[in-house]
Amino acid sequence: MEYTQFIDGALTTNTNRESWVNYNPADNNPLGTVYQANEEDIEAAVASSQKAFQTWRTKTGAERGRVLLKTAEILRSRLEKIALLETQDVGKPLSESLAVDVSSAADALEYFGGMAATIHGDFVDLKNAFGYTRPEPLGICAGIGAWNYPIQIAAWKAAPALACGNSMIFKPSELTPATALELAQAFMDAGAPPGLFNVVQGDGRVGAMLTAHPGIAKISLTGSVATGKKIFAGAASQLKKVTLELGGKSPLIVFEDADISNAVSAALLANFYTQGEVCSNGTRVFVQHKIYDSFLSQLKERTEKISVGYPADPDTQMGALISKAHLEKVMGFIDAGKAAGATLLTGGIRPEKDFKGRDIRSGNFLTPAIFTDCEDAMEICKEEIFGPVLCILCFDSEEEVIARANDSAYGLAAGVFTNDIKRGHRVIHQIQAGTCWINNYNITPIELPFGGYKQSGLGRENSLAAIQQYTQLKSVYVELGNVDSPY
């Protein structure tokens, strides 16, 4: 298969350029060839997007909304095909791609498709005059995606941008080039003008070209803190608008009055879903001393029952990490944890066979790991690992755990488990994080904003908040009388 650019409504055919092989994380067999976008491609994409923008911005919100709603319908009709592509690209279980990835992309398109006709300004009554505001589109927006949720991230960025009247150029991760192309084709099939959603393939050099291009008004990135800082610095020279959804080292706090079974379920979701490759994961699990032993016992038992295996198998619960290089990086953190004195309670090894006895040594598989005897200052408790590694820590008091939870450069997410509703709200209100849960974890409905504090990012995705990220506000004063001039 060839992964080329999707510009002005069609895949490009010019493959005479730099390329590399895209591998399936489950067996490291080739999936196809990815072709790097060059400056000529970027210029063509910008020209195409500008032309589409001039057409798209003149349509009513209802007209734009119909295209987004139709695109969502098309994604749902192609669910199995796109989910399999996602699983082959990312290594996550097919059950996840079916239930979450493609479906949540369609949810975003439906939500903002329904909202498009309701985007409006305000009216202000003044003395002998009146005023009103207009939320207007920015122009061409660039989206830069991550490899863990390729089609979801593409839709999370495209849906609000297009609902507001913008066009978009999207760069998927070089490791997951497939499903953004499916989204682009779905937009075309839904009646979008050519160039409304273009896709350019490539590594960080392509992201840098998009950031530097004077024809692009906004950059929206999902990625690492290091990449976010580069994008922010690059965009600053032209004062581009920027949304950054970056990394995290989020706390999950379990108080002694919590429902332990539910808290364990949340800890598993917060650490092992998508092989732990989720930015909002609650990888620092704080458990109050009184229930520590009981919690740990249930956590270990249920973790060791997780079915690790071939992602395309519908019975698989945890698949393969994205690449050999990333697997080695996660293994390095595990080694560092053991060297620092933490106890590897279970997991953290490369299995030879999966839960059905199949040989999986050629893939990037790792059994879910639990560390105990952790200390806050350890590298595994401070740095984002982005793999299936859970660090469990003890605490005594509410005040203590709040201070320890906030002792991080990150502030993306946090969770609290307690049956004392006053405590739940009291603690969450003191946690320095932008996306929080009480008695659940990693549930991200499109109706709620998503984003972080501190070095976990800027701006918000999803919900009504996203409209502000993709519009600029114009104020209009209308005089009803004569001009009062001293001259």
Protein backbone atom coordinates (compact mmCIF):
# COMPACT_ATOMS: atom_id res chain seq x y z
CA MET A 1 0.00 0.00 0.00
CA GLU A 2 1.13 3.56 -0.70
CA TYR A 3 0.46 6.37 1.78
CA THR A 4 0.69 9.60 -0.21
CA GLN A 5 -0.74 13.09 0.18
CA PHE A 6 -4.46 13.82 -0.14
CA ILE A 7 -4.64 17.27 -1.74
CA ASP A 8 -7.51 19.04 -3.49
CA GLY A 9 -9.84 16.07 -3.18
CA ALA A 10 -7.59 13.23 -4.34
CA LEU A 11 -4.53 11.17 -3.51
CA THR A 12 -1.37 12.39 -5.20
CA THR A 13 0.46 10.05 -7.56
CA ASN A 14 3.93 11.60 -7.45
CA THR A 15 6.00 9.20 -5.33
CA ASN A 16 9.41 10.41 -6.49
CA ARG A 17 10.48 11.59 -3.05
CA GLU A 18 11.77 10.47 0.34
CA SER A 19 9.90 7.47 1.73
CA TRP A 20 9.95 4.81 4.43
CA VAL A 21 8.19 1.58 5.32
CA ASN A 22 5.18 1.55 7.64
CA TYR A 23 5.24 -1.53 9.89
CA ASN A 24 2.53 -3.48 11.70
CA PRO A 25 3.44 -3.36 15.43
CA ALA A 26 2.00 -6.85 15.97
CA ASP A 27 4.58 -8.63 13.80
CA ASN A 28 6.78 -5.86 12.33
CA ASN A 29 5.79 -6.89 8.81
CA PRO A 30 5.51 -4.08 6.24
CA LEU A 31 2.10 -2.48 5.70
CA GLY A 32 3.19 -0.14 2.92
CA THR A 33 5.31 2.84 1.95
CA VAL A 34 4.87 6.35 3.34
CA TYR A 35 5.87 9.27 1.10
CA GLN A 36 7.15 12.41 2.77
CA ALA A 37 5.49 15.68 1.80
CA ASN A 38 7.87 18.29 0.38
CA GLU A 39 7.65 22.07 0.00
CA GLU A 40 5.80 21.73 -3.30
CA ASP A 41 3.16 19.57 -1.59
CA ILE A 42 2.75 22.08 1.23
CA GLU A 43 2.28 24.94 -1.22
CA ALA A 44 -0.26 22.91 -3.19
CA ALA A 45 -2.12 22.02 0.01
CA VAL A 46 -2.20 25.66 1.15
CA ALA A 47 -3.43 26.87 -2.24
CA SER A 48 -6.11 24.19 -2.31
CA SER A 49 -7.17 24.92 1.29
CA GLN A 50 -7.36 28.67 0.61
CA LYS A 51 -9.62 28.09 -2.39
CA ALA A 52 -11.86 25.75 -0.37
CA PHE A 53 -11.97 28.23 2.51
CA GLN A 54 -13.30 31.00 0.27
CA THR A 55 -16.17 28.73 -0.73
CA TRP A 56 -16.77 27.10 2.64
CA ARG A 57 -16.88 30.31 4.69
CA THR A 58 -19.82 31.62 2.66
CA LYS A 59 -22.00 28.62 3.43
CA THR A 60 -24.52 28.76 6.23
CA GLY A 61 -23.86 26.87 9.43
CA ALA A 62 -26.64 24.48 8.52
CA GLU A 63 -25.01 23.74 5.14
CA ARG A 64 -21.64 23.09 6.78
CA GLY A 65 -23.33 20.97 9.43
CA ARG A 66 -24.94 18.71 6.85
CA VAL A 67 -21.54 17.85 5.39
CA LEU A 68 -20.14 16.99 8.83
CA LEU A 69 -23.18 14.87 9.69
CA LYS A 70 -22.94 13.02 6.39
CA THR A 71 -19.22 12.40 7.00
CA ALA A 72 -20.05 10.86 10.38
CA GLU A 73 -22.61 8.62 8.71
CA ILE A 74 -20.02 7.49 6.17
CA LEU A 75 -17.47 6.68 8.88
CA ARG A 76 -20.00 4.55 10.71
CA SER A 77 -20.87 2.71 7.51
CA ARG A 78 -17.16 1.92 7.01
CA LEU A 79 -16.54 1.12 10.66
CA GLU A 80 -15.01 -2.35 10.26
CA LYS A 81 -12.69 -1.38 7.42
CA ILE A 82 -11.35 1.74 9.14
CA ALA A 83 -11.08 0.03 12.54
CA LEU A 84 -8.92 -2.72 11.03
CA LEU A 85 -6.64 -0.12 9.41
CA GLU A 86 -6.34 1.62 12.78
CA THR A 87 -5.49 -1.62 14.56
CA GLN A 88 -2.87 -2.56 11.96
CA ASP A 89 -1.29 0.90 12.21
CA VAL A 90 -1.33 1.38 15.99
CA GLY A 91 -1.23 -2.15 17.40
CA LYS A 92 -4.26 -1.64 19.64
CA PRO A 93 -6.95 -4.33 19.97
CA LEU A 94 -9.57 -4.39 17.24
CA SER A 95 -12.24 -4.29 19.94
CA GLU A 96 -10.96 -0.82 20.94
CA SER A 97 -10.78 0.49 17.39
CA LEU A 98 -14.36 -0.62 16.78
CA ALA A 99 -15.82 0.64 20.05
CA VAL A 100 -13.84 3.85 20.56
CA ASP A 101 -11.57 5.16 17.82
CA VAL A 102 -13.81 5.32 14.77
CA SER A 103 -16.99 5.80 16.78
CA SER A 104 -15.58 8.73 18.77
CA ALA A 105 -14.45 10.35 15.51
CA ALA A 106 -18.01 10.07 14.22
CA ASP A 107 -19.31 11.43 17.54
CA ALA A 108 -17.20 14.56 17.14
CA LEU A 109 -18.43 15.14 13.60
CA GLU A 110 -22.04 14.69 14.71
CA TYR A 111 -21.64 16.99 17.69
CA PHE A 112 -20.07 19.87 15.77
CA GLY A 113 -22.22 19.18 12.72
CA GLY A 114 -25.27 19.76 14.89
CA MET A 115 -23.70 22.83 16.47
CA ALA A 116 -22.61 24.54 13.25
CA ALA A 117 -25.95 26.31 12.70
CA THR A 118 -26.03 27.63 16.26
CA ILE A 119 -22.69 29.48 16.26
CA HIS A 120 -23.55 33.11 16.88
CA GLY A 121 -22.43 36.39 18.39
CA ASP A 122 -24.06 38.75 20.91
CA PHE A 123 -26.25 41.83 20.60
CA VAL A 124 -25.66 44.86 22.84
CA ASP A 125 -28.17 47.72 23.13
CA LEU A 126 -26.42 51.11 23.45
CA LYS A 127 -27.48 54.78 23.69
CA ASN A 128 -28.54 55.89 20.20
CA ALA A 129 -26.66 52.90 18.87
CA PHE A 130 -26.31 49.20 19.12
CA GLY A 131 -23.48 46.72 18.79
CA TYR A 132 -23.03 43.11 17.92
CA THR A 133 -20.28 40.55 17.71
CA ARG A 134 -19.46 38.07 14.95
CA PRO A 135 -17.42 34.90 15.53
CA GLU A 136 -15.58 34.59 12.21
CA PRO A 137 -13.37 31.78 10.91
CA LEU A 138 -9.60 32.06 11.10
CA GLY A 139 -8.78 30.70 7.64
CA ILE A 140 -6.55 27.69 7.08
CA CYS A 141 -5.91 25.64 10.23
CA ALA A 142 -3.20 23.00 10.48
CA GLY A 143 -3.75 19.91 12.60
CA ILE A 144 -0.82 17.77 13.71
CA GLY A 145 -1.80 14.38 15.08
CA ALA A 146 -0.33 11.73 17.37
CA TRP A 147 -0.05 8.02 16.70
CA ASN A 148 -2.13 6.60 19.56
CA TYR A 149 -5.61 7.70 18.36
CA PRO A 150 -5.07 8.71 14.71
CA ILE A 151 -8.61 9.04 13.37
CA GLN A 152 -10.09 10.30 16.63
CA ILE A 153 -7.51 13.08 16.88
CA ALA A 154 -8.01 14.02 13.21
CA ALA A 155 -11.78 14.33 13.76
CA TRP A 156 -11.40 16.16 17.08
CA LYS A 157 -9.45 18.84 15.22
CA ALA A 158 -11.30 18.87 11.91
CA ALA A 159 -14.88 18.87 13.22
CA PRO A 160 -14.80 22.19 15.17
CA ALA A 161 -12.50 23.82 12.62
CA LEU A 162 -14.82 23.04 9.73
CA ALA A 163 -18.00 23.78 11.68
CA CYS A 164 -16.66 27.30 12.26
CA GLY A 165 -16.01 27.84 8.55
CA ASN A 166 -12.27 27.10 8.36
CA SER A 167 -10.42 24.67 6.13
CA MET A 168 -7.77 22.28 7.48
CA ILE A 169 -4.48 20.69 6.48
CA PHE A 170 -3.82 17.66 8.65
CA LYS A 171 -0.52 15.89 9.25
CA PRO A 172 -0.89 12.44 10.84
CA SER A 173 2.01 10.86 12.69
CA GLU A 174 4.55 9.31 10.36
CA LEU A 175 3.92 6.03 12.22
CA THR A 176 0.16 5.98 11.52
CA PRO A 177 -0.53 7.36 8.04
CA ALA A 178 -3.62 5.37 7.07
CA THR A 179 -6.86 6.50 8.64
CA ALA A 180 -6.52 10.26 8.09
CA LEU A 181 -6.74 9.41 4.40
CA GLU A 182 -9.99 7.56 5.09
CA LEU A 183 -11.37 10.64 6.84
CA ALA A 184 -10.34 12.84 3.92
CA GLN A 185 -12.14 10.57 1.46
CA ALA A 186 -15.22 10.50 3.70
CA PHE A 187 -15.36 14.33 3.63
CA MET A 188 -15.23 14.26 -0.16
CA ASP A 189 -17.93 11.61 -0.38
CA ALA A 190 -20.08 13.74 1.93
CA GLY A 191 -19.93 16.70 -0.45
CA ALA A 192 -17.11 18.82 0.99
CA PRO A 193 -15.35 21.08 -1.51
CA PRO A 194 -11.96 19.79 -2.69
CA GLY A 195 -9.21 21.08 -0.41
CA LEU A 196 -11.40 21.53 2.64
CA PHE A 197 -9.52 18.75 4.45
CA ASN A 198 -6.10 18.02 2.99
CA VAL A 199 -3.66 15.42 4.36
CA VAL A 200 0.13 15.72 4.17
CA GLN A 201 2.34 12.86 5.29
CA GLY A 202 5.68 13.08 7.01
CA ASP A 203 7.80 13.59 10.07
CA GLY A 204 8.54 16.67 12.16
CA ARG A 205 9.95 18.55 9.17
CA VAL A 206 6.45 18.68 7.67
CA GLY A 207 5.05 19.99 10.95
CA ALA A 208 7.73 22.67 10.93
CA MET A 209 6.81 23.73 7.38
CA LEU A 210 3.15 24.00 8.33
CA THR A 211 4.02 26.04 11.43
CA ALA A 212 6.20 28.44 9.47
CA HIS A 213 3.87 28.93 6.50
CA PRO A 214 2.39 32.46 6.45
CA GLY A 215 -0.81 31.22 4.83
CA ILE A 216 -1.76 29.10 7.84
CA ALA A 217 -3.60 30.89 10.65
CA LYS A 218 -3.62 28.30 13.41
CA ILE A 219 -1.78 25.19 14.58
CA SER A 220 -3.42 22.48 16.68
CA LEU A 221 -1.02 19.83 17.96
CA THR A 222 -1.48 16.64 19.90
CA GLY A 223 1.96 15.39 20.91
CA SER A 224 4.80 15.53 23.39
CA VAL A 225 5.78 18.51 25.52
CA ALA A 226 9.05 18.82 23.61
CA THR A 227 7.23 18.98 20.28
CA GLY A 228 4.68 21.40 21.72
CA LYS A 229 7.41 23.82 22.75
CA LYS A 230 8.88 23.74 19.22
CA ILE A 231 5.48 24.40 17.66
CA PHE A 232 4.75 27.21 20.11
CA ALA A 233 8.10 28.87 19.44
CA GLY A 234 7.67 28.52 15.68
CA ALA A 235 4.15 29.91 15.70
CA ALA A 236 5.14 32.86 17.90
CA SER A 237 7.11 34.57 15.12
CA GLN A 238 3.82 35.11 13.24
CA LEU A 239 1.53 35.23 16.29
CA LYS A 240 -0.43 32.25 15.03
CA LYS A 241 -3.15 30.87 17.24
CA VAL A 242 -2.07 27.63 18.89
CA THR A 243 -3.81 24.76 20.66
CA LEU A 244 -1.49 22.26 22.35
CA GLU A 245 -2.68 18.96 23.83
CA LEU A 246 0.48 17.51 25.33
CA GLY A 247 1.66 14.88 27.79
CA GLY A 248 0.90 14.07 31.38
CA LYS A 249 1.85 12.17 34.51
CA SER A 250 -1.58 12.21 36.04
CA PRO A 251 -2.62 11.17 39.56
CA LEU A 252 -5.43 8.74 40.37
CA ILE A 253 -6.30 9.08 44.08
CA VAL A 254 -8.16 6.30 45.88
CA PHE A 255 -9.49 7.12 49.36
CA GLU A 256 -10.25 4.48 51.98
CA ASP A 257 -14.02 4.91 51.60
CA ALA A 258 -13.95 4.23 47.85
CA ASP A 259 -15.58 1.28 46.11
CA ILE A 260 -12.41 -0.77 45.68
CA SER A 261 -13.66 -2.84 42.76
CA ASN A 262 -14.58 0.28 40.79
CA ALA A 263 -11.30 1.96 41.72
CA VAL A 264 -9.33 -1.04 40.48
CA SER A 265 -11.33 -1.02 37.24
CA ALA A 266 -10.44 2.63 36.78
CA ALA A 267 -6.75 2.00 37.52
CA LEU A 268 -6.70 -0.68 34.82
CA LEU A 269 -8.36 1.67 32.31
CA ALA A 270 -6.03 4.47 33.37
CA ASN A 271 -2.89 2.46 32.72
CA PHE A 272 -3.40 -0.42 30.30
CA TYR A 273 -5.96 0.69 27.72
CA THR A 274 -4.28 1.12 24.32
CA GLN A 275 -1.19 -0.52 25.85
CA GLY A 276 -0.86 2.44 28.20
CA GLU A 277 -0.17 4.78 25.27
CA VAL A 278 -2.64 7.47 26.38
CA CYS A 279 -1.62 11.01 27.35
CA SER A 280 -4.25 11.38 30.10
CA ASN A 281 -3.43 8.09 31.83
CA GLY A 282 -3.43 8.05 35.63
CA THR A 283 -0.05 6.42 35.99
CA ARG A 284 0.53 7.59 39.56
CA VAL A 285 -2.04 5.63 41.58
CA PHE A 286 -2.22 6.93 45.16
CA VAL A 287 -4.00 4.55 47.56
CA GLN A 288 -4.80 5.35 51.18
CA HIS A 289 -3.01 3.03 53.64
CA LYS A 290 -6.10 1.40 55.13
CA ILE A 291 -7.15 -0.23 51.84
CA TYR A 292 -3.72 -0.55 50.24
CA ASP A 293 -3.35 -4.32 50.67
CA SER A 294 -6.87 -5.09 49.47
CA PHE A 295 -6.55 -2.76 46.51
CA LEU A 296 -3.17 -4.17 45.52
CA SER A 297 -4.38 -7.76 45.76
CA GLN A 298 -7.31 -7.13 43.42
CA LEU A 299 -5.19 -5.01 41.08
CA LYS A 300 -2.54 -7.70 40.69
CA GLU A 301 -5.06 -10.48 40.17
CA ARG A 302 -7.00 -8.63 37.50
CA THR A 303 -3.89 -7.31 35.75
CA GLU A 304 -2.50 -10.81 35.34
CA LYS A 305 -5.75 -11.88 33.63
CA ILE A 306 -5.44 -9.28 30.86
CA SER A 307 -5.30 -11.05 27.50
CA VAL A 308 -2.20 -9.86 25.64
CA GLY A 309 -2.09 -10.93 22.03
CA TYR A 310 -2.62 -10.29 18.34
CA PRO A 311 -4.57 -7.03 18.02
CA ALA A 312 -6.85 -8.30 15.24
CA ASP A 313 -8.17 -11.09 17.46
CA PRO A 314 -11.54 -9.92 18.87
CA ASP A 315 -10.71 -11.57 22.22
CA THR A 316 -7.47 -9.61 22.69
CA GLN A 317 -7.56 -7.03 25.49
CA MET A 318 -4.08 -5.53 25.06
CA GLY A 319 -2.08 -5.37 21.86
CA ALA A 320 1.39 -4.30 20.77
CA LEU A 321 3.28 -1.07 21.40
CA ILE A 322 3.66 1.22 18.41
CA SER A 323 7.27 0.42 17.45
CA LYS A 324 10.42 -1.44 18.41
CA ALA A 325 12.04 1.85 19.41
CA HIS A 326 9.15 2.76 21.69
CA LEU A 327 9.14 -0.71 23.25
CA GLU A 328 12.83 -0.30 24.07
CA LYS A 329 12.11 3.11 25.58
CA VAL A 330 9.40 1.69 27.86
CA MET A 331 11.66 -1.23 28.84
CA GLY A 332 14.30 1.34 29.74
CA PHE A 333 11.91 2.97 32.19
CA ILE A 334 11.16 -0.43 33.72
CA ASP A 335 14.86 -1.10 34.19
CA ALA A 336 15.29 2.36 35.72
CA GLY A 337 12.45 1.69 38.16
CA LYS A 338 14.03 -1.52 39.37
CA ALA A 339 17.44 0.13 39.64
CA ALA A 340 15.93 2.93 41.74
CA GLY A 341 14.57 0.46 44.28
CA ALA A 342 10.94 0.08 43.19
CA THR A 343 9.52 -3.45 43.21
CA LEU A 344 8.21 -4.86 39.95
CA LEU A 345 5.23 -6.72 41.35
CA THR A 346 4.10 -8.24 38.07
CA GLY A 347 4.54 -7.93 34.31
CA GLY A 348 7.00 -5.77 32.47
CA ILE A 349 8.38 -8.61 30.37
CA ARG A 350 8.29 -9.43 26.67
CA PRO A 351 6.08 -12.51 26.28
CA GLU A 352 6.96 -15.28 23.85
CA LYS A 353 3.36 -16.44 23.42
CA ASP A 354 0.02 -14.69 23.66
CA PHE A 355 -3.05 -15.76 25.68
CA LYS A 356 -3.96 -18.29 22.98
CA GLY A 357 -0.49 -19.77 22.76
CA ARG A 358 0.53 -18.06 19.53
CA ASP A 359 4.14 -17.02 19.00
CA ILE A 360 4.33 -13.21 19.34
CA ARG A 361 8.08 -12.71 19.69
CA SER A 362 8.25 -10.80 16.40
CA GLY A 363 5.86 -8.12 17.69
CA ASN A 364 6.25 -5.23 20.13
CA PHE A 365 4.43 -6.88 23.03
CA LEU A 366 4.87 -6.19 26.73
CA THR A 367 2.94 -7.57 29.68
CA PRO A 368 1.22 -4.92 31.85
CA ALA A 369 3.52 -3.89 34.70
CA ILE A 370 2.83 -2.82 38.30
CA PHE A 371 5.49 -1.15 40.43
CA THR A 372 5.21 -0.98 44.24
CA ASP A 373 7.56 0.57 46.82
CA CYS A 374 7.58 3.70 44.67
CA GLU A 375 8.77 7.12 45.75
CA ASP A 376 7.63 10.41 44.26
CA ALA A 377 11.13 11.41 43.17
CA MET A 378 11.74 8.25 41.13
CA GLU A 379 11.99 8.70 37.38
CA ILE A 380 9.11 6.27 36.79
CA CYS A 381 6.92 8.47 39.01
CA LYS A 382 7.91 11.76 37.40
CA GLU A 383 8.34 11.15 33.68
CA GLU A 384 5.70 10.17 31.14
CA ILE A 385 6.39 6.57 30.13
CA PHE A 386 3.56 6.16 27.59
CA GLY A 387 3.39 2.43 28.08
CA PRO A 388 1.65 -0.15 30.30
CA VAL A 389 3.48 0.75 33.51
CA LEU A 390 1.52 1.54 36.70
CA CYS A 391 3.18 3.06 39.76
CA ILE A 392 1.31 2.59 43.02
CA LEU A 393 1.99 4.86 46.01
CA CYS A 394 0.61 5.07 49.56
CA PHE A 395 -0.73 8.11 51.37
CA ASP A 396 -2.21 8.96 54.77
CA SER A 397 -4.06 12.26 54.62
CA GLU A 398 -6.04 14.33 52.15
CA GLU A 399 -3.70 17.30 52.49
CA GLU A 400 -0.67 15.12 51.89
CA VAL A 401 -1.96 13.49 48.71
CA ILE A 402 -3.11 16.78 47.20
CA ALA A 403 0.38 18.22 47.63
CA ARG A 404 2.03 15.13 46.18
CA ALA A 405 -0.41 14.89 43.29
CA ASN A 406 0.31 18.51 42.33
CA ASP A 407 4.08 18.07 42.55
CA SER A 408 4.49 17.64 38.80
CA ALA A 409 5.38 19.72 35.77
CA TYR A 410 2.31 18.25 34.10
CA GLY A 411 -1.36 18.96 34.67
CA LEU A 412 -3.37 17.14 32.05
CA ALA A 413 -5.70 14.93 34.07
CA ALA A 414 -6.59 13.58 37.52
CA GLY A 415 -9.05 11.23 39.15
CA VAL A 416 -10.47 10.81 42.65
CA PHE A 417 -12.31 7.79 44.05
CA THR A 418 -14.39 8.29 47.17
CA ASN A 419 -17.96 7.76 48.37
CA ASP A 420 -17.82 11.10 50.21
CA ILE A 421 -19.13 13.47 47.56
CA LYS A 422 -17.96 16.53 49.50
CA ARG A 423 -14.44 15.16 49.61
CA GLY A 424 -14.57 14.29 45.92
CA HIS A 425 -15.33 17.84 44.88
CA ARG A 426 -13.08 19.38 47.53
CA VAL A 427 -10.05 17.40 46.38
CA ILE A 428 -10.66 17.77 42.64
CA HIS A 429 -10.99 21.54 43.09
CA GLN A 430 -7.47 21.65 44.53
CA ILE A 431 -5.83 19.43 41.92
CA GLN A 432 -3.89 21.31 39.23
CA ALA A 433 -5.24 19.52 36.18
CA GLY A 434 -7.54 20.46 33.33
CA THR A 435 -9.44 17.19 32.79
CA CYS A 436 -10.71 15.46 35.92
CA TRP A 437 -12.95 12.60 36.98
CA ILE A 438 -14.70 11.65 40.21
CA ASN A 439 -15.33 7.89 40.54
CA ASN A 440 -14.30 7.13 36.95
CA TYR A 441 -11.32 7.67 34.67
CA ASN A 442 -10.46 8.38 31.01
CA ILE A 443 -14.04 8.97 29.94
CA THR A 444 -13.88 11.82 27.40
CA PRO A 445 -17.33 12.71 26.03
CA ILE A 446 -17.25 15.19 23.18
CA GLU A 447 -19.58 17.44 25.20
CA LEU A 448 -16.84 18.25 27.77
CA PRO A 449 -13.66 20.27 27.12
CA PHE A 450 -10.39 18.34 27.04
CA GLY A 451 -7.01 19.87 27.81
CA GLY A 452 -4.43 20.51 30.48
CA TYR A 453 -2.74 22.90 32.89
CA LYS A 454 0.96 23.72 33.20
CA GLN A 455 3.18 21.93 30.65
CA SER A 456 0.33 19.70 29.53
CA GLY A 457 -0.83 22.24 27.01
CA LEU A 458 -2.76 25.32 25.97
CA GLY A 459 -6.37 25.71 24.89
CA ARG A 460 -9.15 23.14 24.85
CA GLU A 461 -10.56 20.61 22.45
CA ASN A 462 -14.18 19.43 22.21
CA SER A 463 -17.40 21.00 23.54
CA LEU A 464 -18.47 24.63 23.12
CA ALA A 465 -14.97 25.63 24.26
CA ALA A 466 -13.52 24.45 20.94
CA ILE A 467 -15.52 27.07 19.03
CA GLN A 468 -13.46 29.79 20.69
CA GLN A 469 -10.28 28.05 19.52
CA TYR A 470 -11.31 28.17 15.84
CA THR A 471 -12.93 31.61 15.56
CA GLN A 472 -11.91 35.23 15.98
CA LEU A 473 -14.38 37.73 17.40
CA LYS A 474 -15.35 40.87 15.53
CA SER A 475 -17.15 43.72 17.33
CA VAL A 476 -19.42 46.00 15.31
CA TYR A 477 -20.77 49.38 16.57
CA VAL A 478 -23.77 50.79 14.68
CA GLU A 479 -24.63 54.48 15.14
CA LEU A 480 -28.32 55.44 15.04
CA GLY A 481 -27.86 59.19 15.46
CA ASN A 482 -25.40 61.90 14.50
CA VAL A 483 -21.67 61.84 15.10
CA ASP A 484 -20.75 63.86 18.19
CA SER A 485 -17.46 65.52 17.26
CA PRO A 486 -15.57 68.33 19.04
CA TYR A 487 -14.12 69.47 15.70
